[in-house]
Amino acid sequence: MDTLFETLANQKNAKSFPTILRKVRKRIETNFSQLCDQFLFIRNYAKNVDGLFTRIIGKITAFTVLQYINKTNNKPIGQIKYALL
């Protein structure tokens, strides 16, 4: 908590975020990081826009399926790398 206060202390009109917003933001950043690292979300070799959308939807669907597998096996949903083990 001290680091959060130190970060906000040097800003004008600084307000701390509610806990729920911090948790949601962390979840979003974690999911995006996993998509980029494990599914190579940024690297796409699509030839046209339809191909790009198809590849992105496929990667997001695979990510969601792995989260669902973790949920049904009572594992943390954020650890998608080990979902099929």
N, C-alpha and C. Protein backbone atom coordinates (compact mmCIF):
# COMPACT_ATOMS: atom_id res chain seq x y z
N MET A 1 0.82 -1.19 0.00
CA MET A 1 0.00 0.00 0.00
C MET A 1 0.86 1.25 0.00
N ASP A 2 2.06 1.13 0.60
CA ASP A 2 2.93 2.29 0.65
C ASP A 2 3.39 2.70 -0.75
N THR A 3 3.64 1.73 -1.61
CA THR A 3 4.09 2.07 -2.96
C THR A 3 2.98 2.78 -3.74
N LEU A 4 1.73 2.38 -3.50
CA LEU A 4 0.62 3.06 -4.16
C LEU A 4 0.55 4.51 -3.70
N PHE A 5 0.72 4.74 -2.41
CA PHE A 5 0.68 6.10 -1.90
C PHE A 5 1.84 6.92 -2.44
N GLU A 6 3.02 6.30 -2.52
CA GLU A 6 4.18 7.02 -3.06
C GLU A 6 3.96 7.38 -4.52
N THR A 7 3.34 6.51 -5.27
CA THR A 7 3.08 6.76 -6.67
C THR A 7 2.11 7.92 -6.83
N LEU A 8 1.08 7.94 -5.99
CA LEU A 8 0.06 8.97 -6.11
C LEU A 8 0.48 10.29 -5.47
N ALA A 9 1.48 10.26 -4.60
CA ALA A 9 1.87 11.47 -3.88
C ALA A 9 2.45 12.53 -4.79
N ASN A 10 3.04 12.13 -5.91
CA ASN A 10 3.67 13.12 -6.79
C ASN A 10 2.75 13.56 -7.92
N GLN A 11 1.48 13.21 -7.87
CA GLN A 11 0.54 13.59 -8.90
C GLN A 11 -0.42 14.64 -8.36
N LYS A 12 -0.84 15.53 -9.22
CA LYS A 12 -1.82 16.53 -8.81
C LYS A 12 -3.20 15.91 -8.77
N ASN A 13 -3.97 16.24 -7.77
CA ASN A 13 -5.34 15.74 -7.60
C ASN A 13 -5.40 14.22 -7.69
N ALA A 14 -4.47 13.54 -7.04
CA ALA A 14 -4.41 12.09 -7.10
C ALA A 14 -5.51 11.47 -6.26
N LYS A 15 -6.14 10.45 -6.81
CA LYS A 15 -7.16 9.69 -6.10
C LYS A 15 -6.79 8.22 -6.19
N SER A 16 -6.96 7.50 -5.11
CA SER A 16 -6.68 6.07 -5.17
C SER A 16 -7.90 5.34 -5.74
N PHE A 17 -7.63 4.27 -6.45
CA PHE A 17 -8.70 3.48 -7.06
C PHE A 17 -9.32 2.56 -6.02
N PRO A 18 -10.59 2.30 -6.14
CA PRO A 18 -11.20 1.30 -5.25
C PRO A 18 -10.60 -0.09 -5.52
N THR A 19 -10.65 -0.93 -4.52
CA THR A 19 -10.05 -2.26 -4.62
C THR A 19 -10.63 -3.06 -5.77
N ILE A 20 -11.93 -2.98 -5.99
CA ILE A 20 -12.56 -3.77 -7.05
C ILE A 20 -12.03 -3.37 -8.42
N LEU A 21 -11.79 -2.08 -8.64
CA LEU A 21 -11.26 -1.63 -9.92
C LEU A 21 -9.82 -2.09 -10.12
N ARG A 22 -9.05 -2.11 -9.04
CA ARG A 22 -7.67 -2.60 -9.15
C ARG A 22 -7.65 -4.07 -9.52
N LYS A 23 -8.55 -4.86 -8.94
CA LYS A 23 -8.61 -6.29 -9.25
C LYS A 23 -9.05 -6.53 -10.68
N VAL A 24 -10.03 -5.76 -11.15
CA VAL A 24 -10.51 -5.91 -12.52
C VAL A 24 -9.40 -5.52 -13.50
N ARG A 25 -8.71 -4.44 -13.21
CA ARG A 25 -7.63 -4.00 -14.09
C ARG A 25 -6.51 -5.04 -14.15
N LYS A 26 -6.17 -5.63 -12.99
CA LYS A 26 -5.14 -6.65 -12.96
C LYS A 26 -5.57 -7.87 -13.78
N ARG A 27 -6.84 -8.27 -13.68
CA ARG A 27 -7.32 -9.42 -14.45
C ARG A 27 -7.23 -9.14 -15.94
N ILE A 28 -7.64 -7.95 -16.37
CA ILE A 28 -7.59 -7.60 -17.78
C ILE A 28 -6.15 -7.59 -18.29
N GLU A 29 -5.25 -6.98 -17.53
CA GLU A 29 -3.85 -6.93 -17.96
C GLU A 29 -3.22 -8.32 -17.99
N THR A 30 -3.58 -9.18 -17.05
CA THR A 30 -3.06 -10.54 -17.04
C THR A 30 -3.56 -11.32 -18.25
N ASN A 31 -4.84 -11.20 -18.54
CA ASN A 31 -5.40 -11.91 -19.70
C ASN A 31 -4.77 -11.43 -21.00
N PHE A 32 -4.61 -10.14 -21.15
CA PHE A 32 -4.00 -9.61 -22.37
C PHE A 32 -2.55 -10.06 -22.49
N SER A 33 -1.84 -10.10 -21.37
CA SER A 33 -0.45 -10.55 -21.38
C SER A 33 -0.37 -12.02 -21.79
N GLN A 34 -1.29 -12.85 -21.28
CA GLN A 34 -1.30 -14.26 -21.65
C GLN A 34 -1.62 -14.43 -23.13
N LEU A 35 -2.56 -13.65 -23.64
CA LEU A 35 -2.88 -13.73 -25.06
C LEU A 35 -1.67 -13.37 -25.91
N CYS A 36 -0.95 -12.34 -25.51
CA CYS A 36 0.21 -11.91 -26.28
C CYS A 36 1.35 -12.92 -26.21
N ASP A 37 1.62 -13.46 -25.03
CA ASP A 37 2.77 -14.35 -24.86
C ASP A 37 2.50 -15.77 -25.33
N GLN A 38 1.41 -16.36 -24.90
CA GLN A 38 1.19 -17.78 -25.15
C GLN A 38 0.47 -18.05 -26.46
N PHE A 39 -0.33 -17.11 -26.91
CA PHE A 39 -1.08 -17.31 -28.15
C PHE A 39 -0.56 -16.46 -29.30
N LEU A 40 0.54 -15.75 -29.08
CA LEU A 40 1.14 -14.88 -30.10
C LEU A 40 0.08 -13.99 -30.74
N PHE A 41 -0.65 -13.30 -29.87
CA PHE A 41 -1.78 -12.48 -30.28
C PHE A 41 -1.36 -11.35 -31.22
N ILE A 42 -0.21 -10.78 -30.98
CA ILE A 42 0.25 -9.64 -31.79
C ILE A 42 0.73 -10.11 -33.16
N ARG A 43 1.38 -11.28 -33.20
CA ARG A 43 1.94 -11.77 -34.46
C ARG A 43 0.85 -12.49 -35.26
N ASN A 44 0.40 -11.87 -36.29
CA ASN A 44 -0.59 -12.45 -37.18
C ASN A 44 -0.11 -12.27 -38.62
N TYR A 45 -0.23 -13.33 -39.39
CA TYR A 45 0.17 -13.26 -40.78
C TYR A 45 -1.06 -13.32 -41.69
N ALA A 46 -2.10 -12.64 -41.29
CA ALA A 46 -3.33 -12.65 -42.08
C ALA A 46 -3.15 -11.80 -43.33
N LYS A 47 -3.78 -12.25 -44.41
CA LYS A 47 -3.66 -11.55 -45.69
C LYS A 47 -4.69 -10.44 -45.84
N ASN A 48 -5.85 -10.59 -45.17
CA ASN A 48 -6.88 -9.56 -45.27
C ASN A 48 -7.58 -9.42 -43.92
N VAL A 49 -8.52 -8.52 -43.84
CA VAL A 49 -9.18 -8.20 -42.58
C VAL A 49 -10.01 -9.39 -42.08
N ASP A 50 -10.66 -10.09 -42.99
CA ASP A 50 -11.45 -11.26 -42.58
C ASP A 50 -10.56 -12.33 -41.94
N GLY A 51 -9.41 -12.55 -42.50
CA GLY A 51 -8.47 -13.51 -41.94
C GLY A 51 -7.96 -13.07 -40.58
N LEU A 52 -7.71 -11.78 -40.43
CA LEU A 52 -7.26 -11.24 -39.15
C LEU A 52 -8.32 -11.46 -38.07
N PHE A 53 -9.57 -11.12 -38.40
CA PHE A 53 -10.65 -11.31 -37.43
C PHE A 53 -10.83 -12.78 -37.09
N THR A 54 -10.73 -13.65 -38.07
CA THR A 54 -10.88 -15.09 -37.83
C THR A 54 -9.79 -15.60 -36.89
N ARG A 55 -8.56 -15.18 -37.11
CA ARG A 55 -7.47 -15.63 -36.25
C ARG A 55 -7.60 -15.10 -34.84
N ILE A 56 -8.00 -13.83 -34.70
CA ILE A 56 -8.16 -13.25 -33.36
C ILE A 56 -9.30 -13.94 -32.62
N ILE A 57 -10.42 -14.16 -33.29
CA ILE A 57 -11.55 -14.84 -32.65
C ILE A 57 -11.16 -16.26 -32.26
N GLY A 58 -10.40 -16.95 -33.09
CA GLY A 58 -9.95 -18.29 -32.76
C GLY A 58 -9.06 -18.31 -31.52
N LYS A 59 -8.17 -17.35 -31.41
CA LYS A 59 -7.27 -17.29 -30.26
C LYS A 59 -8.03 -16.95 -28.99
N ILE A 60 -8.97 -16.03 -29.07
CA ILE A 60 -9.77 -15.69 -27.89
C ILE A 60 -10.66 -16.87 -27.49
N THR A 61 -11.19 -17.59 -28.45
CA THR A 61 -12.01 -18.76 -28.15
C THR A 61 -11.18 -19.84 -27.47
N ALA A 62 -10.00 -20.10 -27.96
CA ALA A 62 -9.12 -21.10 -27.34
C ALA A 62 -8.77 -20.69 -25.91
N PHE A 63 -8.51 -19.43 -25.71
CA PHE A 63 -8.21 -18.90 -24.38
C PHE A 63 -9.39 -19.11 -23.43
N THR A 64 -10.59 -18.84 -23.92
CA THR A 64 -11.80 -19.00 -23.10
C THR A 64 -12.04 -20.47 -22.78
N VAL A 65 -11.82 -21.35 -23.73
CA VAL A 65 -12.01 -22.79 -23.50
C VAL A 65 -11.03 -23.29 -22.43
N LEU A 66 -9.79 -22.85 -22.49
CA LEU A 66 -8.81 -23.26 -21.48
C LEU A 66 -9.20 -22.74 -20.10
N GLN A 67 -9.72 -21.53 -20.02
CA GLN A 67 -10.20 -21.02 -18.74
C GLN A 67 -11.37 -21.87 -18.23
N TYR A 68 -12.26 -22.27 -19.12
CA TYR A 68 -13.40 -23.10 -18.73
C TYR A 68 -12.94 -24.47 -18.24
N ILE A 69 -11.95 -25.05 -18.91
CA ILE A 69 -11.40 -26.34 -18.47
C ILE A 69 -10.82 -26.21 -17.06
N ASN A 70 -10.11 -25.14 -16.81
CA ASN A 70 -9.57 -24.92 -15.46
C ASN A 70 -10.68 -24.78 -14.44
N LYS A 71 -11.73 -24.06 -14.79
CA LYS A 71 -12.84 -23.85 -13.85
C LYS A 71 -13.53 -25.17 -13.52
N THR A 72 -13.75 -26.01 -14.52
CA THR A 72 -14.43 -27.28 -14.27
C THR A 72 -13.55 -28.26 -13.49
N ASN A 73 -12.23 -28.12 -13.57
CA ASN A 73 -11.31 -28.98 -12.83
C ASN A 73 -10.88 -28.37 -11.50
N ASN A 74 -11.54 -27.30 -11.07
CA ASN A 74 -11.26 -26.62 -9.80
C ASN A 74 -9.81 -26.16 -9.69
N LYS A 75 -9.29 -25.63 -10.79
CA LYS A 75 -7.96 -25.04 -10.82
C LYS A 75 -8.12 -23.54 -11.01
N PRO A 76 -7.10 -22.75 -10.68
CA PRO A 76 -7.19 -21.31 -10.93
C PRO A 76 -7.35 -21.03 -12.42
N ILE A 77 -8.32 -20.20 -12.78
CA ILE A 77 -8.60 -20.00 -14.20
C ILE A 77 -7.51 -19.20 -14.90
N GLY A 78 -6.70 -18.49 -14.14
CA GLY A 78 -5.65 -17.69 -14.74
C GLY A 78 -4.45 -18.49 -15.21
N GLN A 79 -4.33 -19.74 -14.79
CA GLN A 79 -3.17 -20.55 -15.14
C GLN A 79 -3.51 -21.44 -16.34
N ILE A 80 -3.65 -20.82 -17.49
CA ILE A 80 -4.09 -21.55 -18.68
C ILE A 80 -2.99 -22.40 -19.28
N LYS A 81 -1.75 -22.12 -18.94
CA LYS A 81 -0.64 -22.87 -19.51
C LYS A 81 -0.70 -24.35 -19.11
N TYR A 82 -1.24 -24.62 -17.94
CA TYR A 82 -1.27 -25.98 -17.41
C TYR A 82 -2.68 -26.56 -17.42
N ALA A 83 -3.56 -26.06 -18.24
CA ALA A 83 -4.95 -26.48 -18.23
C ALA A 83 -5.12 -27.92 -18.69
N LEU A 84 -4.33 -28.37 -19.61
CA LEU A 84 -4.51 -29.70 -20.19
C LEU A 84 -3.63 -30.76 -19.54
N LEU A 85 -2.90 -30.41 -18.51
CA LEU A 85 -2.04 -31.39 -17.84
C LEU A 85 -2.82 -32.20 -16.83
